[in-house]
Amino acid sequence: DYSGWVGCCIDLDPEAQNTFENARDAMRWARDHKFSSLILVTADY
């Protein structure tokens, strides 16, 4: 349903094993793209 977005704008990083590593991978990704703002999606709890 979102093939156009998958091809250009969605990155997968399957290495993280916990929340700390999720944040570490997100930090690298954000630095690489020089992002200054992020929307974080996860469960409420």
All heavy atoms as atom14 arrays in JSON, in Angstrom:
{
  "sequence": "DYSGWVGCCIDLDPEAQNTFENARDAMRWARDHKFSSLILVTADY",
  "atom14_mask": [
    [1, 1, 1, 1, 1, 1, 1, 1, 0, 0, 0, 0, 0, 0],
    [1, 1, 1, 1, 1, 1, 1, 1, 1, 1, 1, 1, 0, 0],
    [1, 1, 1, 1, 1, 1, 0, 0, 0, 0, 0, 0, 0, 0],
    [1, 1, 1, 1, 0, 0, 0, 0, 0, 0, 0, 0, 0, 0],
    [1, 1, 1, 1, 1, 1, 1, 1, 1, 1, 1, 1, 1, 1],
    [1, 1, 1, 1, 1, 1, 1, 0, 0, 0, 0, 0, 0, 0],
    [1, 1, 1, 1, 0, 0, 0, 0, 0, 0, 0, 0, 0, 0],
    [1, 1, 1, 1, 1, 1, 0, 0, 0, 0, 0, 0, 0, 0],
    [1, 1, 1, 1, 1, 1, 0, 0, 0, 0, 0, 0, 0, 0],
    [1, 1, 1, 1, 1, 1, 1, 1, 0, 0, 0, 0, 0, 0],
    [1, 1, 1, 1, 1, 1, 1, 1, 0, 0, 0, 0, 0, 0],
    [1, 1, 1, 1, 1, 1, 1, 1, 0, 0, 0, 0, 0, 0],
    [1, 1, 1, 1, 1, 1, 1, 1, 0, 0, 0, 0, 0, 0],
    [1, 1, 1, 1, 1, 1, 1, 0, 0, 0, 0, 0, 0, 0],
    [1, 1, 1, 1, 1, 1, 1, 1, 1, 0, 0, 0, 0, 0],
    [1, 1, 1, 1, 1, 0, 0, 0, 0, 0, 0, 0, 0, 0],
    [1, 1, 1, 1, 1, 1, 1, 1, 1, 0, 0, 0, 0, 0],
    [1, 1, 1, 1, 1, 1, 1, 1, 0, 0, 0, 0, 0, 0],
    [1, 1, 1, 1, 1, 1, 1, 0, 0, 0, 0, 0, 0, 0],
    [1, 1, 1, 1, 1, 1, 1, 1, 1, 1, 1, 0, 0, 0],
    [1, 1, 1, 1, 1, 1, 1, 1, 1, 0, 0, 0, 0, 0],
    [1, 1, 1, 1, 1, 1, 1, 1, 0, 0, 0, 0, 0, 0],
    [1, 1, 1, 1, 1, 0, 0, 0, 0, 0, 0, 0, 0, 0],
    [1, 1, 1, 1, 1, 1, 1, 1, 1, 1, 1, 0, 0, 0],
    [1, 1, 1, 1, 1, 1, 1, 1, 0, 0, 0, 0, 0, 0],
    [1, 1, 1, 1, 1, 0, 0, 0, 0, 0, 0, 0, 0, 0],
    [1, 1, 1, 1, 1, 1, 1, 1, 0, 0, 0, 0, 0, 0],
    [1, 1, 1, 1, 1, 1, 1, 1, 1, 1, 1, 0, 0, 0],
    [1, 1, 1, 1, 1, 1, 1, 1, 1, 1, 1, 1, 1, 1],
    [1, 1, 1, 1, 1, 0, 0, 0, 0, 0, 0, 0, 0, 0],
    [1, 1, 1, 1, 1, 1, 1, 1, 1, 1, 1, 0, 0, 0],
    [1, 1, 1, 1, 1, 1, 1, 1, 0, 0, 0, 0, 0, 0],
    [1, 1, 1, 1, 1, 1, 1, 1, 1, 1, 0, 0, 0, 0],
    [1, 1, 1, 1, 1, 1, 1, 1, 1, 0, 0, 0, 0, 0],
    [1, 1, 1, 1, 1, 1, 1, 1, 1, 1, 1, 0, 0, 0],
    [1, 1, 1, 1, 1, 1, 0, 0, 0, 0, 0, 0, 0, 0],
    [1, 1, 1, 1, 1, 1, 0, 0, 0, 0, 0, 0, 0, 0],
    [1, 1, 1, 1, 1, 1, 1, 1, 0, 0, 0, 0, 0, 0],
    [1, 1, 1, 1, 1, 1, 1, 1, 0, 0, 0, 0, 0, 0],
    [1, 1, 1, 1, 1, 1, 1, 1, 0, 0, 0, 0, 0, 0],
    [1, 1, 1, 1, 1, 1, 1, 0, 0, 0, 0, 0, 0, 0],
    [1, 1, 1, 1, 1, 1, 1, 0, 0, 0, 0, 0, 0, 0],
    [1, 1, 1, 1, 1, 0, 0, 0, 0, 0, 0, 0, 0, 0],
    [1, 1, 1, 1, 1, 1, 1, 1, 0, 0, 0, 0, 0, 0],
    [1, 1, 1, 1, 1, 1, 1, 1, 1, 1, 1, 1, 0, 0]
  ],
  "atom14_positions": [
    [[0.8, -1.23, 0.0], [0.0, 0.0, 0.0], [0.84, 1.28, 0.0], [0.32, 2.35, -0.32], [-0.93, 0.01, 1.21], [-1.93, -1.14, 1.19], [-2.07, -1.77, 0.12], [-2.55, -1.42, 2.24], [0.0, 0.0, 0.0], [0.0, 0.0, 0.0], [0.0, 0.0, 0.0], [0.0, 0.0, 0.0], [0.0, 0.0, 0.0], [0.0, 0.0, 0.0]],
    [[2.1, 1.17, 0.4], [2.95, 2.36, 0.49], [4.27, 2.12, -0.26], [5.34, 2.53, 0.21], [3.23, 2.7, 1.96], [2.0, 2.98, 2.78], [1.36, 1.94, 3.48], [1.46, 4.26, 2.87], [0.23, 2.19, 4.25], [0.33, 4.51, 3.64], [-0.28, 3.46, 4.32], [-1.4, 3.7, 5.08], [0.0, 0.0, 0.0], [0.0, 0.0, 0.0]],
    [[4.18, 1.49, -1.4], [5.39, 1.1, -2.15], [6.25, 2.3, -2.5], [7.49, 2.23, -2.5], [5.01, 0.33, -3.42], [4.14, 1.12, -4.23], [0.0, 0.0, 0.0], [0.0, 0.0, 0.0], [0.0, 0.0, 0.0], [0.0, 0.0, 0.0], [0.0, 0.0, 0.0], [0.0, 0.0, 0.0], [0.0, 0.0, 0.0], [0.0, 0.0, 0.0]],
    [[5.63, 3.42, -2.82], [6.4, 4.62, -3.16], [7.23, 5.11, -1.98], [8.38, 5.52, -2.16], [0.0, 0.0, 0.0], [0.0, 0.0, 0.0], [0.0, 0.0, 0.0], [0.0, 0.0, 0.0], [0.0, 0.0, 0.0], [0.0, 0.0, 0.0], [0.0, 0.0, 0.0], [0.0, 0.0, 0.0], [0.0, 0.0, 0.0], [0.0, 0.0, 0.0]],
    [[6.68, 5.04, -0.8], [7.4, 5.47, 0.4], [8.5, 4.48, 0.77], [9.58, 4.89, 1.21], [6.42, 5.63, 1.57], [5.44, 6.73, 1.37], [4.15, 6.62, 0.94], [5.67, 8.13, 1.57], [3.56, 7.85, 0.86], [4.46, 8.81, 1.25], [6.77, 8.87, 2.0], [4.34, 10.18, 1.34], [6.65, 10.25, 2.09], [5.44, 10.89, 1.76]],
    [[8.21, 3.17, 0.59], [9.21, 2.15, 0.91], [10.46, 2.34, 0.05], [11.6, 2.21, 0.52], [8.63, 0.74, 0.71], [9.72, -0.32, 0.85], [7.51, 0.48, 1.71], [0.0, 0.0, 0.0], [0.0, 0.0, 0.0], [0.0, 0.0, 0.0], [0.0, 0.0, 0.0], [0.0, 0.0, 0.0], [0.0, 0.0, 0.0], [0.0, 0.0, 0.0]],
    [[10.25, 2.68, -1.22], [11.38, 2.82, -2.12], [12.26, 4.01, -1.86], [13.46, 3.98, -2.14], [0.0, 0.0, 0.0], [0.0, 0.0, 0.0], [0.0, 0.0, 0.0], [0.0, 0.0, 0.0], [0.0, 0.0, 0.0], [0.0, 0.0, 0.0], [0.0, 0.0, 0.0], [0.0, 0.0, 0.0], [0.0, 0.0, 0.0], [0.0, 0.0, 0.0]],
    [[11.69, 5.05, -1.29], [12.48, 6.29, -1.15], [12.78, 6.71, 0.28], [13.79, 7.36, 0.54], [11.75, 7.45, -1.83], [10.32, 8.08, -0.89], [0.0, 0.0, 0.0], [0.0, 0.0, 0.0], [0.0, 0.0, 0.0], [0.0, 0.0, 0.0], [0.0, 0.0, 0.0], [0.0, 0.0, 0.0], [0.0, 0.0, 0.0], [0.0, 0.0, 0.0]],
    [[11.91, 6.36, 1.22], [11.96, 7.11, 2.48], [11.86, 6.26, 3.75], [11.75, 6.83, 4.84], [10.82, 8.13, 2.51], [10.72, 9.16, 1.03], [0.0, 0.0, 0.0], [0.0, 0.0, 0.0], [0.0, 0.0, 0.0], [0.0, 0.0, 0.0], [0.0, 0.0, 0.0], [0.0, 0.0, 0.0], [0.0, 0.0, 0.0], [0.0, 0.0, 0.0]],
    [[11.87, 4.94, 3.64], [11.76, 4.1, 4.84], [13.03, 3.27, 4.97], [13.41, 2.51, 4.07], [10.53, 3.17, 4.77], [9.25, 4.0, 4.73], [10.5, 2.22, 5.97], [7.98, 3.18, 4.61], [0.0, 0.0, 0.0], [0.0, 0.0, 0.0], [0.0, 0.0, 0.0], [0.0, 0.0, 0.0], [0.0, 0.0, 0.0], [0.0, 0.0, 0.0]],
    [[13.7, 3.41, 6.12], [14.93, 2.68, 6.41], [14.65, 1.63, 7.49], [13.92, 1.91, 8.46], [16.02, 3.62, 6.89], [16.34, 4.7, 5.85], [16.53, 4.33, 4.68], [16.37, 5.89, 6.23], [0.0, 0.0, 0.0], [0.0, 0.0, 0.0], [0.0, 0.0, 0.0], [0.0, 0.0, 0.0], [0.0, 0.0, 0.0], [0.0, 0.0, 0.0]],
    [[15.25, 0.46, 7.34], [15.11, -0.62, 8.31], [16.46, -0.88, 8.98], [17.48, -0.98, 8.3], [14.63, -1.91, 7.64], [13.3, -1.85, 6.89], [13.0, -3.21, 6.26], [12.17, -1.44, 7.82], [0.0, 0.0, 0.0], [0.0, 0.0, 0.0], [0.0, 0.0, 0.0], [0.0, 0.0, 0.0], [0.0, 0.0, 0.0], [0.0, 0.0, 0.0]],
    [[16.44, -0.99, 10.31], [17.65, -1.34, 11.07], [17.26, -2.42, 12.08], [16.76, -2.12, 13.15], [18.21, -0.11, 11.78], [19.6, -0.37, 12.34], [19.94, -1.55, 12.57], [20.36, 0.6, 12.53], [0.0, 0.0, 0.0], [0.0, 0.0, 0.0], [0.0, 0.0, 0.0], [0.0, 0.0, 0.0], [0.0, 0.0, 0.0], [0.0, 0.0, 0.0]],
    [[17.5, -3.7, 11.73], [17.01, -4.8, 12.56], [17.95, -5.23, 13.68], [17.72, -6.26, 14.31], [16.84, -5.93, 11.54], [17.94, -5.69, 10.57], [18.08, -4.2, 10.47], [0.0, 0.0, 0.0], [0.0, 0.0, 0.0], [0.0, 0.0, 0.0], [0.0, 0.0, 0.0], [0.0, 0.0, 0.0], [0.0, 0.0, 0.0], [0.0, 0.0, 0.0]],
    [[19.0, -4.48, 13.94], [20.03, -4.95, 14.86], [19.69, -4.73, 16.34], [20.15, -5.48, 17.2], [21.36, -4.25, 14.54], [21.89, -4.53, 13.14], [22.1, -6.01, 12.9], [22.56, -6.72, 13.83], [21.8, -6.47, 11.78], [0.0, 0.0, 0.0], [0.0, 0.0, 0.0], [0.0, 0.0, 0.0], [0.0, 0.0, 0.0], [0.0, 0.0, 0.0]],
    [[18.92, -3.72, 16.65], [18.68, -3.37, 18.06], [17.97, -4.5, 18.81], [16.99, -5.06, 18.33], [17.85, -2.09, 18.15], [0.0, 0.0, 0.0], [0.0, 0.0, 0.0], [0.0, 0.0, 0.0], [0.0, 0.0, 0.0], [0.0, 0.0, 0.0], [0.0, 0.0, 0.0], [0.0, 0.0, 0.0], [0.0, 0.0, 0.0], [0.0, 0.0, 0.0]],
    [[18.48, -4.78, 20.01], [17.91, -5.83, 20.85], [17.17, -5.29, 22.07], [16.57, -6.06, 22.82], [19.03, -6.77, 21.33], [19.76, -7.48, 20.21], [18.85, -8.42, 19.44], [18.16, -9.26, 20.03], [18.83, -8.3, 18.13], [0.0, 0.0, 0.0], [0.0, 0.0, 0.0], [0.0, 0.0, 0.0], [0.0, 0.0, 0.0], [0.0, 0.0, 0.0]],
    [[17.22, -3.99, 22.29], [16.53, -3.39, 23.43], [16.33, -1.9, 23.16], [16.77, -1.38, 22.12], [17.31, -3.62, 24.73], [18.76, -3.17, 24.62], [19.05, -2.05, 24.24], [19.68, -4.08, 24.96], [0.0, 0.0, 0.0], [0.0, 0.0, 0.0], [0.0, 0.0, 0.0], [0.0, 0.0, 0.0], [0.0, 0.0, 0.0], [0.0, 0.0, 0.0]],
    [[15.68, -1.22, 24.09], [15.35, 0.19, 23.89], [16.6, 1.07, 23.83], [16.65, 2.03, 23.06], [14.41, 0.68, 25.01], [13.26, -0.17, 25.06], [13.96, 2.11, 24.78], [0.0, 0.0, 0.0], [0.0, 0.0, 0.0], [0.0, 0.0, 0.0], [0.0, 0.0, 0.0], [0.0, 0.0, 0.0], [0.0, 0.0, 0.0], [0.0, 0.0, 0.0]],
    [[17.58, 0.75, 24.65], [18.84, 1.51, 24.61], [19.46, 1.44, 23.22], [19.93, 2.45, 22.68], [19.8, 0.95, 25.67], [21.15, 1.6, 25.65], [21.37, 2.82, 26.27], [22.23, 0.99, 25.0], [22.63, 3.42, 26.25], [23.47, 1.58, 24.98], [23.67, 2.8, 25.6], [0.0, 0.0, 0.0], [0.0, 0.0, 0.0], [0.0, 0.0, 0.0]],
    [[19.47, 0.26, 22.63], [20.05, 0.1, 21.29], [19.16, 0.73, 20.22], [19.67, 1.24, 19.21], [20.29, -1.38, 21.01], [21.37, -1.99, 21.9], [21.61, -3.46, 21.61], [20.95, -4.01, 20.7], [22.45, -4.06, 22.32], [0.0, 0.0, 0.0], [0.0, 0.0, 0.0], [0.0, 0.0, 0.0], [0.0, 0.0, 0.0], [0.0, 0.0, 0.0]],
    [[17.84, 0.71, 20.42], [16.95, 1.46, 19.52], [17.36, 2.93, 19.46], [17.47, 3.52, 18.37], [15.5, 1.38, 20.0], [14.85, 0.03, 19.8], [14.07, -0.4, 20.63], [15.14, -0.63, 18.69], [0.0, 0.0, 0.0], [0.0, 0.0, 0.0], [0.0, 0.0, 0.0], [0.0, 0.0, 0.0], [0.0, 0.0, 0.0], [0.0, 0.0, 0.0]],
    [[17.56, 3.51, 20.64], [17.94, 4.93, 20.71], [19.31, 5.17, 20.09], [19.52, 6.18, 19.4], [17.92, 5.4, 22.17], [0.0, 0.0, 0.0], [0.0, 0.0, 0.0], [0.0, 0.0, 0.0], [0.0, 0.0, 0.0], [0.0, 0.0, 0.0], [0.0, 0.0, 0.0], [0.0, 0.0, 0.0], [0.0, 0.0, 0.0], [0.0, 0.0, 0.0]],
    [[20.23, 4.25, 20.31], [21.57, 4.39, 19.72], [21.5, 4.38, 18.18], [22.12, 5.21, 17.52], [22.45, 3.24, 20.2], [23.86, 3.22, 19.64], [24.44, 1.82, 19.72], [23.64, 0.87, 18.93], [23.75, -0.46, 19.05], [24.56, -0.98, 19.95], [23.01, -1.25, 18.29], [0.0, 0.0, 0.0], [0.0, 0.0, 0.0], [0.0, 0.0, 0.0]],
    [[20.71, 3.45, 17.63], [20.58, 3.38, 16.17], [19.87, 4.61, 15.62], [20.22, 5.12, 14.55], [19.81, 2.11, 15.78], [20.59, 0.84, 16.11], [21.8, 0.95, 16.4], [19.99, -0.24, 16.09], [0.0, 0.0, 0.0], [0.0, 0.0, 0.0], [0.0, 0.0, 0.0], [0.0, 0.0, 0.0], [0.0, 0.0, 0.0], [0.0, 0.0, 0.0]],
    [[18.86, 5.08, 16.36], [18.15, 6.29, 15.93], [19.07, 7.5, 15.95], [18.98, 8.39, 15.09], [16.94, 6.53, 16.82], [0.0, 0.0, 0.0], [0.0, 0.0, 0.0], [0.0, 0.0, 0.0], [0.0, 0.0, 0.0], [0.0, 0.0, 0.0], [0.0, 0.0, 0.0], [0.0, 0.0, 0.0], [0.0, 0.0, 0.0], [0.0, 0.0, 0.0]],
    [[19.97, 7.55, 16.93], [20.92, 8.66, 17.01], [21.81, 8.68, 15.77], [22.01, 9.74, 15.15], [21.78, 8.52, 18.26], [22.88, 9.56, 18.38], [24.09, 9.19, 19.68], [24.87, 7.72, 18.99], [0.0, 0.0, 0.0], [0.0, 0.0, 0.0], [0.0, 0.0, 0.0], [0.0, 0.0, 0.0], [0.0, 0.0, 0.0], [0.0, 0.0, 0.0]],
    [[22.34, 7.53, 15.39], [23.21, 7.45, 14.21], [22.45, 7.88, 12.95], [22.97, 8.63, 12.12], [23.74, 6.03, 14.05], [24.68, 5.59, 15.17], [24.98, 4.11, 15.05], [25.86, 3.64, 16.11], [26.07, 2.37, 16.39], [25.47, 1.42, 15.67], [26.88, 2.01, 17.37], [0.0, 0.0, 0.0], [0.0, 0.0, 0.0], [0.0, 0.0, 0.0]],
    [[21.23, 7.38, 12.82], [20.41, 7.69, 11.65], [20.11, 9.19, 11.57], [20.23, 9.81, 10.52], [19.13, 6.87, 11.73], [18.14, 7.07, 10.64], [18.18, 6.55, 9.38], [16.92, 7.81, 10.73], [17.07, 6.93, 8.66], [16.28, 7.7, 9.47], [16.31, 8.55, 11.73], [15.05, 8.31, 9.21], [15.1, 9.16, 11.47], [14.48, 9.04, 10.22]],
    [[19.73, 9.77, 12.71], [19.41, 11.2, 12.75], [20.65, 12.05, 12.44], [20.56, 13.06, 11.73], [18.83, 11.58, 14.1], [0.0, 0.0, 0.0], [0.0, 0.0, 0.0], [0.0, 0.0, 0.0], [0.0, 0.0, 0.0], [0.0, 0.0, 0.0], [0.0, 0.0, 0.0], [0.0, 0.0, 0.0], [0.0, 0.0, 0.0], [0.0, 0.0, 0.0]],
    [[21.81, 11.65, 12.98], [23.04, 12.37, 12.7], [23.4, 12.28, 11.21], [23.82, 13.27, 10.59], [24.19, 11.81, 13.53], [24.03, 11.94, 15.04], [24.0, 13.37, 15.5], [24.08, 13.47, 16.95], [23.51, 14.41, 17.67], [22.79, 15.35, 17.06], [23.63, 14.45, 18.98], [0.0, 0.0, 0.0], [0.0, 0.0, 0.0], [0.0, 0.0, 0.0]],
    [[23.25, 11.09, 10.65], [23.58, 10.91, 9.23], [22.75, 11.82, 8.33], [23.23, 12.32, 7.31], [23.36, 9.45, 8.82], [24.42, 8.52, 9.4], [25.46, 9.02, 9.85], [24.19, 7.29, 9.41], [0.0, 0.0, 0.0], [0.0, 0.0, 0.0], [0.0, 0.0, 0.0], [0.0, 0.0, 0.0], [0.0, 0.0, 0.0], [0.0, 0.0, 0.0]],
    [[21.47, 12.0, 8.7], [20.57, 12.82, 7.89], [20.49, 14.27, 8.35], [19.72, 15.05, 7.8], [19.17, 12.19, 7.87], [19.12, 10.87, 7.14], [19.1, 10.77, 5.78], [19.09, 9.59, 7.61], [19.06, 9.5, 5.41], [19.05, 8.75, 6.52], [0.0, 0.0, 0.0], [0.0, 0.0, 0.0], [0.0, 0.0, 0.0], [0.0, 0.0, 0.0]],
    [[21.25, 14.59, 9.42], [21.28, 15.96, 9.96], [19.89, 16.45, 10.35], [19.49, 17.59, 10.07], [21.93, 16.92, 8.96], [23.39, 16.59, 8.67], [23.99, 17.56, 7.67], [25.5, 17.36, 7.56], [25.89, 15.98, 7.19], [0.0, 0.0, 0.0], [0.0, 0.0, 0.0], [0.0, 0.0, 0.0], [0.0, 0.0, 0.0], [0.0, 0.0, 0.0]],
    [[19.13, 15.56, 11.01], [17.79, 15.91, 11.46], [17.86, 16.63, 12.8], [18.65, 16.27, 13.68], [16.93, 14.66, 11.61], [16.52, 14.04, 10.3], [16.07, 12.72, 10.26], [16.55, 14.75, 9.12], [15.67, 12.14, 9.05], [16.16, 14.19, 7.91], [15.72, 12.88, 7.88], [0.0, 0.0, 0.0], [0.0, 0.0, 0.0], [0.0, 0.0, 0.0]],
    [[17.0, 17.63, 12.96], [16.94, 18.37, 14.22], [15.63, 18.13, 14.98], [15.44, 18.65, 16.07], [17.1, 19.87, 13.96], [16.05, 20.34, 13.13], [0.0, 0.0, 0.0], [0.0, 0.0, 0.0], [0.0, 0.0, 0.0], [0.0, 0.0, 0.0], [0.0, 0.0, 0.0], [0.0, 0.0, 0.0], [0.0, 0.0, 0.0], [0.0, 0.0, 0.0]],
    [[14.75, 17.33, 14.4], [13.48, 16.99, 15.07], [13.02, 15.62, 14.62], [13.17, 15.25, 13.45], [12.41, 18.05, 14.78], [12.18, 18.16, 13.39], [0.0, 0.0, 0.0], [0.0, 0.0, 0.0], [0.0, 0.0, 0.0], [0.0, 0.0, 0.0], [0.0, 0.0, 0.0], [0.0, 0.0, 0.0], [0.0, 0.0, 0.0], [0.0, 0.0, 0.0]],
    [[12.45, 14.85, 15.56], [11.98, 13.5, 15.27], [10.63, 13.25, 15.93], [10.38, 13.73, 17.05], [12.97, 12.45, 15.8], [14.37, 12.4, 15.21], [15.22, 11.4, 15.98], [14.33, 12.04, 13.73], [0.0, 0.0, 0.0], [0.0, 0.0, 0.0], [0.0, 0.0, 0.0], [0.0, 0.0, 0.0], [0.0, 0.0, 0.0], [0.0, 0.0, 0.0]],
    [[9.79, 12.51, 15.25], [8.56, 11.99, 15.85], [8.86, 10.56, 16.28], [9.32, 9.74, 15.47], [7.39, 12.01, 14.84], [7.06, 13.46, 14.45], [6.16, 11.33, 15.42], [6.09, 13.57, 13.28], [0.0, 0.0, 0.0], [0.0, 0.0, 0.0], [0.0, 0.0, 0.0], [0.0, 0.0, 0.0], [0.0, 0.0, 0.0], [0.0, 0.0, 0.0]],
    [[8.62, 10.26, 17.54], [8.88, 8.92, 18.07], [7.58, 8.15, 18.18], [6.64, 8.6, 18.84], [9.55, 9.02, 19.45], [9.76, 7.7, 20.2], [10.64, 6.74, 19.41], [10.34, 7.97, 21.58], [0.0, 0.0, 0.0], [0.0, 0.0, 0.0], [0.0, 0.0, 0.0], [0.0, 0.0, 0.0], [0.0, 0.0, 0.0], [0.0, 0.0, 0.0]],
    [[7.52, 6.98, 17.54], [6.34, 6.12, 17.58], [6.68, 4.85, 18.33], [7.62, 4.13, 17.97], [5.86, 5.77, 16.15], [4.68, 4.79, 16.22], [5.46, 7.02, 15.39], [0.0, 0.0, 0.0], [0.0, 0.0, 0.0], [0.0, 0.0, 0.0], [0.0, 0.0, 0.0], [0.0, 0.0, 0.0], [0.0, 0.0, 0.0], [0.0, 0.0, 0.0]],
    [[5.93, 4.59, 19.38], [6.02, 3.34, 20.12], [4.75, 3.2, 20.94], [3.86, 4.05, 20.87], [7.29, 3.29, 21.0], [7.44, 1.97, 21.54], [7.22, 4.29, 22.15], [0.0, 0.0, 0.0], [0.0, 0.0, 0.0], [0.0, 0.0, 0.0], [0.0, 0.0, 0.0], [0.0, 0.0, 0.0], [0.0, 0.0, 0.0], [0.0, 0.0, 0.0]],
    [[4.63, 2.13, 21.71], [3.42, 1.91, 22.52], [3.36, 2.9, 23.67], [4.39, 3.39, 24.15], [3.39, 0.48, 23.04], [0.0, 0.0, 0.0], [0.0, 0.0, 0.0], [0.0, 0.0, 0.0], [0.0, 0.0, 0.0], [0.0, 0.0, 0.0], [0.0, 0.0, 0.0], [0.0, 0.0, 0.0], [0.0, 0.0, 0.0], [0.0, 0.0, 0.0]],
    [[2.16, 3.18, 24.15], [1.99, 4.16, 25.23], [2.76, 3.77, 26.49], [3.43, 4.61, 27.1], [0.5, 4.37, 25.55], [-0.27, 3.07, 25.75], [0.36, 1.98, 25.73], [-1.5, 3.15, 25.93], [0.0, 0.0, 0.0], [0.0, 0.0, 0.0], [0.0, 0.0, 0.0], [0.0, 0.0, 0.0], [0.0, 0.0, 0.0], [0.0, 0.0, 0.0]],
    [[2.71, 2.49, 26.88], [3.4, 2.06, 28.09], [4.93, 2.14, 27.93], [5.67, 2.29, 28.91], [3.0, 0.62, 28.47], [3.4, -0.41, 27.43], [4.67, -0.97, 27.41], [2.5, -0.83, 26.46], [5.04, -1.9, 26.46], [2.85, -1.76, 25.49], [4.13, -2.29, 25.51], [4.5, -3.2, 24.56], [0.0, 0.0, 0.0], [0.0, 0.0, 0.0]]
  ]
}
